[in-house]
Each structure stands twice: as structure tokens, then as C-alpha cells.
């Protein structure tokens, strides 16, 4: 059984079988999808595939992305946490614990991403002994860079996805590790 984490304002839980629909609707907002790469032709199929990959992280590694809901209202906040990644370009981004967060626009600016990620990072470090977590953030996504830095991530490199897209690479080394 995978964890349910409660913070002051949020409940973080493992996604269920049908939750790819929540994720599809989350990224249908152009502002939310802005830094998530090219828009897929079929968002339902794309989010179903992403949900299966995320479930694989839970199954094979015992950790993965959580769905966050407001405790007070049950409102869906977003998908946040860590997952096991294989990006395929090296640079410290293959076979690694990777952090990620996507928050619904109506919940931007409330501090939910910080609250959820602090809890998820503390949990994965304690429960799994993880000492290094990486993340990649597309250039121009200043809000995510600010969050990563608040969480203790430090930029260590960059990678060109294509001629128009560069991502900065960040890592967080646990104080315990």
C-alpha cells in the first residue's frame, strides 16, 4: 500500500486507474501546459500513457507522483512528487529519481506546490533513503525555477531538447545523504 500524505492543507495520494482524465483536464489549460513540451494530437491517449509510466514508477520503485487535493474542499490541485526517470540523454538525468509538479491554474500562488513538494521530498528521503533528486525546467519557467531553488535544488547543467527549447538541469542533495 502506497502512502497517503497529509499536509496542513493538502492530501497527497497515489493516482488511481481513472485519474488520467483529471490529468488530461489539468493540462488542457494552455497556461498550465505551456512548459510541458509540444501539445499531443490526442491528449487523452497521451495522459493515459503518462499515467501508466507513473504507475510503473510506483510499482517498480515504490515511489511516484501524487495527486494533490485540498483537504478542506477536495478540489483537485495537481500532480506533484517524484518518479523514476530515464530521459535518455545522460547528464545525470538517466536512471534517477526526478521531481516534477503540475498545478492547476486556479491554485497558482497559494504555496501548494511548495507544501506538497516539501512533504513528498521528505517522504522519499526517509522512506527510500534517496539522497539525490534531479529535475529539469524549461527556460522561461521562472515560477518553477523559484520553487526548485526554495526546495534546495541547484542548477548544474542544461540540455537542448530541440533548437527552440532548452531545459536547465537541477539537483537536490539531501542533507542526510
C-alpha atoms as a PDB file:
ATOM      1  CA  UNK A   1       0.000   0.000   0.000  1.00  0.00           C
ATOM      2  CA  UNK A   2       1.436   3.330  -1.029  1.00  0.00           C
ATOM      3  CA  UNK A   3       1.298   6.303   1.285  1.00  0.00           C
ATOM      4  CA  UNK A   4      -1.272   8.986   1.714  1.00  0.00           C
ATOM      5  CA  UNK A   5       0.448  12.123   2.958  1.00  0.00           C
ATOM      6  CA  UNK A   6      -1.467  14.892   4.666  1.00  0.00           C
ATOM      7  CA  UNK A   7      -0.023  18.361   4.950  1.00  0.00           C
ATOM      8  CA  UNK A   8      -1.636  21.361   6.608  1.00  0.00           C
ATOM      9  CA  UNK A   9      -3.845  21.999   3.554  1.00  0.00           C
ATOM     10  CA  UNK A  10      -3.428  19.071   1.174  1.00  0.00           C
ATOM     11  CA  UNK A  11      -3.895  15.340   0.824  1.00  0.00           C
ATOM     12  CA  UNK A  12      -1.362  13.625  -1.439  1.00  0.00           C
ATOM     13  CA  UNK A  13      -2.264  10.182  -2.741  1.00  0.00           C
ATOM     14  CA  UNK A  14      -1.267   7.743  -5.454  1.00  0.00           C
ATOM     15  CA  UNK A  15      -3.318   8.183  -8.643  1.00  0.00           C
ATOM     16  CA  UNK A  16      -5.956   5.616  -9.447  1.00  0.00           C
ATOM     17  CA  UNK A  17      -6.873   3.903 -12.691  1.00  0.00           C
ATOM     18  CA  UNK A  18      -9.248   6.601 -13.964  1.00  0.00           C
ATOM     19  CA  UNK A  19      -7.243   9.630 -12.806  1.00  0.00           C
ATOM     20  CA  UNK A  20      -5.655  10.128 -16.222  1.00  0.00           C
ATOM     21  CA  UNK A  21      -8.864  12.059 -17.017  1.00  0.00           C
ATOM     22  CA  UNK A  22      -8.081  14.546 -14.215  1.00  0.00           C
ATOM     23  CA  UNK A  23      -4.576  14.922 -15.616  1.00  0.00           C
ATOM     24  CA  UNK A  24      -5.850  15.370 -19.177  1.00  0.00           C
ATOM     25  CA  UNK A  25      -8.162  18.131 -17.986  1.00  0.00           C
ATOM     26  CA  UNK A  26      -5.347  19.685 -15.918  1.00  0.00           C
ATOM     27  CA  UNK A  27      -3.030  20.088 -18.898  1.00  0.00           C
ATOM     28  CA  UNK A  28      -5.806  21.166 -21.276  1.00  0.00           C
ATOM     29  CA  UNK A  29      -5.289  24.699 -19.897  1.00  0.00           C
ATOM     30  CA  UNK A  30      -2.767  26.278 -22.310  1.00  0.00           C
ATOM     31  CA  UNK A  31      -1.060  28.181 -19.483  1.00  0.00           C
ATOM     32  CA  UNK A  32      -0.631  25.004 -17.432  1.00  0.00           C
ATOM     33  CA  UNK A  33       0.706  23.140 -20.486  1.00  0.00           C
ATOM     34  CA  UNK A  34       2.967  25.995 -21.570  1.00  0.00           C
ATOM     35  CA  UNK A  35       6.253  24.438 -20.345  1.00  0.00           C
ATOM     36  CA  UNK A  36       5.343  20.755 -20.785  1.00  0.00           C
ATOM     37  CA  UNK A  37       6.568  20.299 -24.330  1.00  0.00           C
ATOM     38  CA  UNK A  38       4.596  20.052 -27.542  1.00  0.00           C
ATOM     39  CA  UNK A  39       0.852  19.570 -27.360  1.00  0.00           C
ATOM     40  CA  UNK A  40      -0.090  15.986 -28.186  1.00  0.00           C
ATOM     41  CA  UNK A  41      -2.516  15.221 -31.005  1.00  0.00           C
ATOM     42  CA  UNK A  42      -4.652  13.140 -28.635  1.00  0.00           C
ATOM     43  CA  UNK A  43      -4.433  14.443 -25.040  1.00  0.00           C
ATOM     44  CA  UNK A  44      -6.463  11.538 -23.645  1.00  0.00           C
ATOM     45  CA  UNK A  45      -4.115   8.907 -25.057  1.00  0.00           C
ATOM     46  CA  UNK A  46      -1.059  10.951 -24.051  1.00  0.00           C
ATOM     47  CA  UNK A  47      -2.182  11.319 -20.431  1.00  0.00           C
ATOM     48  CA  UNK A  48      -3.186   7.654 -20.284  1.00  0.00           C
ATOM     49  CA  UNK A  49       0.361   6.709 -21.361  1.00  0.00           C
ATOM     50  CA  UNK A  50       1.886   9.146 -18.860  1.00  0.00           C
ATOM     51  CA  UNK A  51      -0.334   7.724 -16.108  1.00  0.00           C
ATOM     52  CA  UNK A  52       0.862   4.206 -16.937  1.00  0.00           C
ATOM     53  CA  UNK A  53       4.507   5.337 -16.752  1.00  0.00           C
ATOM     54  CA  UNK A  54       3.809   6.994 -13.403  1.00  0.00           C
ATOM     55  CA  UNK A  55       2.108   3.827 -12.137  1.00  0.00           C
ATOM     56  CA  UNK A  56       5.194   1.892 -13.231  1.00  0.00           C
ATOM     57  CA  UNK A  57       7.333   4.105 -11.021  1.00  0.00           C
ATOM     58  CA  UNK A  58       5.108   3.260  -8.043  1.00  0.00           C
ATOM     59  CA  UNK A  59       5.130  -0.437  -8.941  1.00  0.00           C
ATOM     60  CA  UNK A  60       8.847  -0.900  -9.611  1.00  0.00           C
ATOM     61  CA  UNK A  61      10.414   1.666  -7.271  1.00  0.00           C
ATOM     62  CA  UNK A  62       7.848   2.243  -4.515  1.00  0.00           C
ATOM     63  CA  UNK A  63       7.547   5.968  -5.158  1.00  0.00           C
ATOM     64  CA  UNK A  64       5.881   8.126  -7.756  1.00  0.00           C
ATOM     65  CA  UNK A  65       3.854  11.208  -8.480  1.00  0.00           C
ATOM     66  CA  UNK A  66       0.998  12.058  -6.150  1.00  0.00           C
ATOM     67  CA  UNK A  67      -2.325  13.668  -6.898  1.00  0.00           C
ATOM     68  CA  UNK A  68      -2.915  16.592  -4.564  1.00  0.00           C
ATOM     69  CA  UNK A  69      -6.344  17.657  -3.328  1.00  0.00           C
ATOM     70  CA  UNK A  70      -7.316  20.415  -0.927  1.00  0.00           C
ATOM     71  CA  UNK A  71      -8.192  18.888   2.419  1.00  0.00           C
ATOM     72  CA  UNK A  72     -10.920  21.433   3.115  1.00  0.00           C
ATOM     73  CA  UNK A  73     -12.771  21.208  -0.204  1.00  0.00           C
ATOM     74  CA  UNK A  74     -11.483  18.134  -2.030  1.00  0.00           C
ATOM     75  CA  UNK A  75     -10.619  20.349  -5.002  1.00  0.00           C
ATOM     76  CA  UNK A  76      -8.016  18.822  -7.334  1.00  0.00           C
ATOM     77  CA  UNK A  77      -4.786  20.819  -7.091  1.00  0.00           C
ATOM     78  CA  UNK A  78      -2.412  18.935  -9.371  1.00  0.00           C
ATOM     79  CA  UNK A  79       0.167  16.204  -9.835  1.00  0.00           C
ATOM     80  CA  UNK A  80       3.349  16.565  -7.786  1.00  0.00           C
ATOM     81  CA  UNK A  81       6.131  14.470  -6.340  1.00  0.00           C
ATOM     82  CA  UNK A  82       8.943  12.271  -7.571  1.00  0.00           C
ATOM     83  CA  UNK A  83       9.174   9.452 -10.083  1.00  0.00           C
ATOM     84  CA  UNK A  84      11.868   7.253 -11.562  1.00  0.00           C
ATOM     85  CA  UNK A  85      13.133   8.693 -14.819  1.00  0.00           C
ATOM     86  CA  UNK A  86      15.129   7.615 -17.819  1.00  0.00           C
ATOM     87  CA  UNK A  87      15.437  10.698 -20.030  1.00  0.00           C
ATOM     88  CA  UNK A  88      17.908   9.120 -22.446  1.00  0.00           C
ATOM     89  CA  UNK A  89      20.369  11.990 -22.708  1.00  0.00           C
ATOM     90  CA  UNK A  90      22.621  11.318 -19.719  1.00  0.00           C
ATOM     91  CA  UNK A  91      23.785  14.410 -17.835  1.00  0.00           C
ATOM     92  CA  UNK A  92      22.575  12.977 -14.524  1.00  0.00           C
ATOM     93  CA  UNK A  93      19.018  12.509 -15.823  1.00  0.00           C
ATOM     94  CA  UNK A  94      19.022   8.761 -16.563  1.00  0.00           C
ATOM     95  CA  UNK A  95      18.021   6.094 -14.047  1.00  0.00           C
ATOM     96  CA  UNK A  96      17.360   8.773 -11.458  1.00  0.00           C
ATOM     97  CA  UNK A  97      14.744   9.999  -9.017  1.00  0.00           C
ATOM     98  CA  UNK A  98      13.197  13.041 -10.706  1.00  0.00           C
ATOM     99  CA  UNK A  99      10.939  15.673  -9.187  1.00  0.00           C
ATOM    100  CA  UNK A 100       8.023  17.194 -11.040  1.00  0.00           C
ATOM    101  CA  UNK A 101       4.994  19.337 -10.395  1.00  0.00           C
ATOM    102  CA  UNK A 102       1.979  20.494 -12.374  1.00  0.00           C
ATOM    103  CA  UNK A 103      -0.563  22.675 -10.566  1.00  0.00           C
ATOM    104  CA  UNK A 104      -3.983  23.784 -11.800  1.00  0.00           C
ATOM    105  CA  UNK A 105      -4.012  27.488 -12.610  1.00  0.00           C
ATOM    106  CA  UNK A 106      -6.741  28.272 -10.092  1.00  0.00           C
ATOM    107  CA  UNK A 107      -4.321  27.126  -7.373  1.00  0.00           C
ATOM    108  CA  UNK A 108      -1.247  29.074  -8.520  1.00  0.00           C
ATOM    109  CA  UNK A 109       0.187  31.455  -5.937  1.00  0.00           C
ATOM    110  CA  UNK A 110      -1.227  29.635  -2.902  1.00  0.00           C
ATOM    111  CA  UNK A 111       2.013  27.891  -1.925  1.00  0.00           C
ATOM    112  CA  UNK A 112       0.546  24.440  -2.621  1.00  0.00           C
ATOM    113  CA  UNK A 113       3.435  23.323  -4.818  1.00  0.00           C
ATOM    114  CA  UNK A 114       5.962  24.127  -2.066  1.00  0.00           C
ATOM    115  CA  UNK A 115       3.832  22.436   0.577  1.00  0.00           C
ATOM    116  CA  UNK A 116       3.306  19.280  -1.483  1.00  0.00           C
ATOM    117  CA  UNK A 117       6.879  19.012  -2.732  1.00  0.00           C
ATOM    118  CA  UNK A 118       8.407  19.533   0.717  1.00  0.00           C
ATOM    119  CA  UNK A 119       6.251  16.675   2.009  1.00  0.00           C
ATOM    120  CA  UNK A 120       6.956  14.403  -0.974  1.00  0.00           C
ATOM    121  CA  UNK A 121      10.714  15.006  -0.837  1.00  0.00           C
ATOM    122  CA  UNK A 122      10.856  14.419   2.923  1.00  0.00           C
ATOM    123  CA  UNK A 123       8.861  11.207   2.487  1.00  0.00           C
ATOM    124  CA  UNK A 124      11.006   9.765  -0.350  1.00  0.00           C
ATOM    125  CA  UNK A 125      14.214  10.606   1.509  1.00  0.00           C
ATOM    126  CA  UNK A 126      13.003   8.999   4.727  1.00  0.00           C
ATOM    127  CA  UNK A 127      11.145   6.006   3.298  1.00  0.00           C
ATOM    128  CA  UNK A 128      13.558   5.160   0.473  1.00  0.00           C
ATOM    129  CA  UNK A 129      16.881   6.649   1.561  1.00  0.00           C
ATOM    130  CA  UNK A 130      17.024   8.805  -1.560  1.00  0.00           C
ATOM    131  CA  UNK A 131      19.929  11.219  -1.374  1.00  0.00           C
ATOM    132  CA  UNK A 132      19.795  12.869  -4.840  1.00  0.00           C
ATOM    133  CA  UNK A 133      16.754  14.099  -6.733  1.00  0.00           C
ATOM    134  CA  UNK A 134      17.009  15.769 -10.131  1.00  0.00           C
ATOM    135  CA  UNK A 135      14.612  17.911 -12.111  1.00  0.00           C
ATOM    136  CA  UNK A 136      14.598  19.738 -15.414  1.00  0.00           C
ATOM    137  CA  UNK A 137      12.871  23.035 -16.053  1.00  0.00           C
ATOM    138  CA  UNK A 138      12.320  24.708 -19.401  1.00  0.00           C
ATOM    139  CA  UNK A 139      13.950  28.103 -19.774  1.00  0.00           C
ATOM    140  CA  UNK A 140      11.480  30.878 -19.077  1.00  0.00           C
ATOM    141  CA  UNK A 141       9.543  28.942 -16.430  1.00  0.00           C
ATOM    142  CA  UNK A 142      10.601  31.349 -13.705  1.00  0.00           C
ATOM    143  CA  UNK A 143       7.970  30.196 -11.209  1.00  0.00           C
ATOM    144  CA  UNK A 144       9.264  26.616 -11.332  1.00  0.00           C
ATOM    145  CA  UNK A 145      12.870  27.748 -11.042  1.00  0.00           C
ATOM    146  CA  UNK A 146      11.967  29.794  -7.956  1.00  0.00           C
ATOM    147  CA  UNK A 147      10.185  26.774  -6.450  1.00  0.00           C
ATOM    148  CA  UNK A 148      13.106  24.459  -7.212  1.00  0.00           C
ATOM    149  CA  UNK A 149      15.519  26.860  -5.536  1.00  0.00           C
ATOM    150  CA  UNK A 150      13.245  27.177  -2.463  1.00  0.00           C
ATOM    151  CA  UNK A 151      13.251  23.377  -2.254  1.00  0.00           C
ATOM    152  CA  UNK A 152      17.055  23.288  -2.275  1.00  0.00           C
ATOM    153  CA  UNK A 153      17.657  22.377  -5.922  1.00  0.00           C
ATOM    154  CA  UNK A 154      20.786  23.817  -7.529  1.00  0.00           C
ATOM    155  CA  UNK A 155      21.322  24.231 -11.268  1.00  0.00           C
ATOM    156  CA  UNK A 156      24.121  22.008 -12.532  1.00  0.00           C
ATOM    157  CA  UNK A 157      23.703  21.959 -16.306  1.00  0.00           C
ATOM    158  CA  UNK A 158      21.471  22.345 -19.327  1.00  0.00           C
ATOM    159  CA  UNK A 159      20.186  20.284 -22.209  1.00  0.00           C
ATOM    160  CA  UNK A 160      18.887  21.353 -25.606  1.00  0.00           C
ATOM    161  CA  UNK A 161      15.669  19.470 -26.341  1.00  0.00           C
ATOM    162  CA  UNK A 162      15.452  20.985 -29.812  1.00  0.00           C
ATOM    163  CA  UNK A 163      16.645  24.207 -31.396  1.00  0.00           C
ATOM    164  CA  UNK A 164      13.861  26.186 -29.700  1.00  0.00           C
ATOM    165  CA  UNK A 165      13.779  24.511 -26.278  1.00  0.00           C
ATOM    166  CA  UNK A 166      16.496  24.379 -23.623  1.00  0.00           C
ATOM    167  CA  UNK A 167      15.961  22.916 -20.186  1.00  0.00           C
ATOM    168  CA  UNK A 168      18.046  23.704 -17.140  1.00  0.00           C
ATOM    169  CA  UNK A 169      19.051  20.698 -15.044  1.00  0.00           C
ATOM    170  CA  UNK A 170      18.819  20.885 -11.264  1.00  0.00           C
ATOM    171  CA  UNK A 171      19.697  18.548  -8.415  1.00  0.00           C
ATOM    172  CA  UNK A 172      18.959  18.415  -4.721  1.00  0.00           C
ATOM    173  CA  UNK A 173      21.306  16.544  -2.457  1.00  0.00           C
ATOM    174  CA  UNK A 174      19.680  15.500   0.805  1.00  0.00           C
ATOM    175  CA  UNK A 175      21.300  16.949   3.905  1.00  0.00           C
ATOM    176  CA  UNK A 176      21.235  13.354   5.183  1.00  0.00           C
ATOM    177  CA  UNK A 177      22.923  11.944   2.086  1.00  0.00           C
END
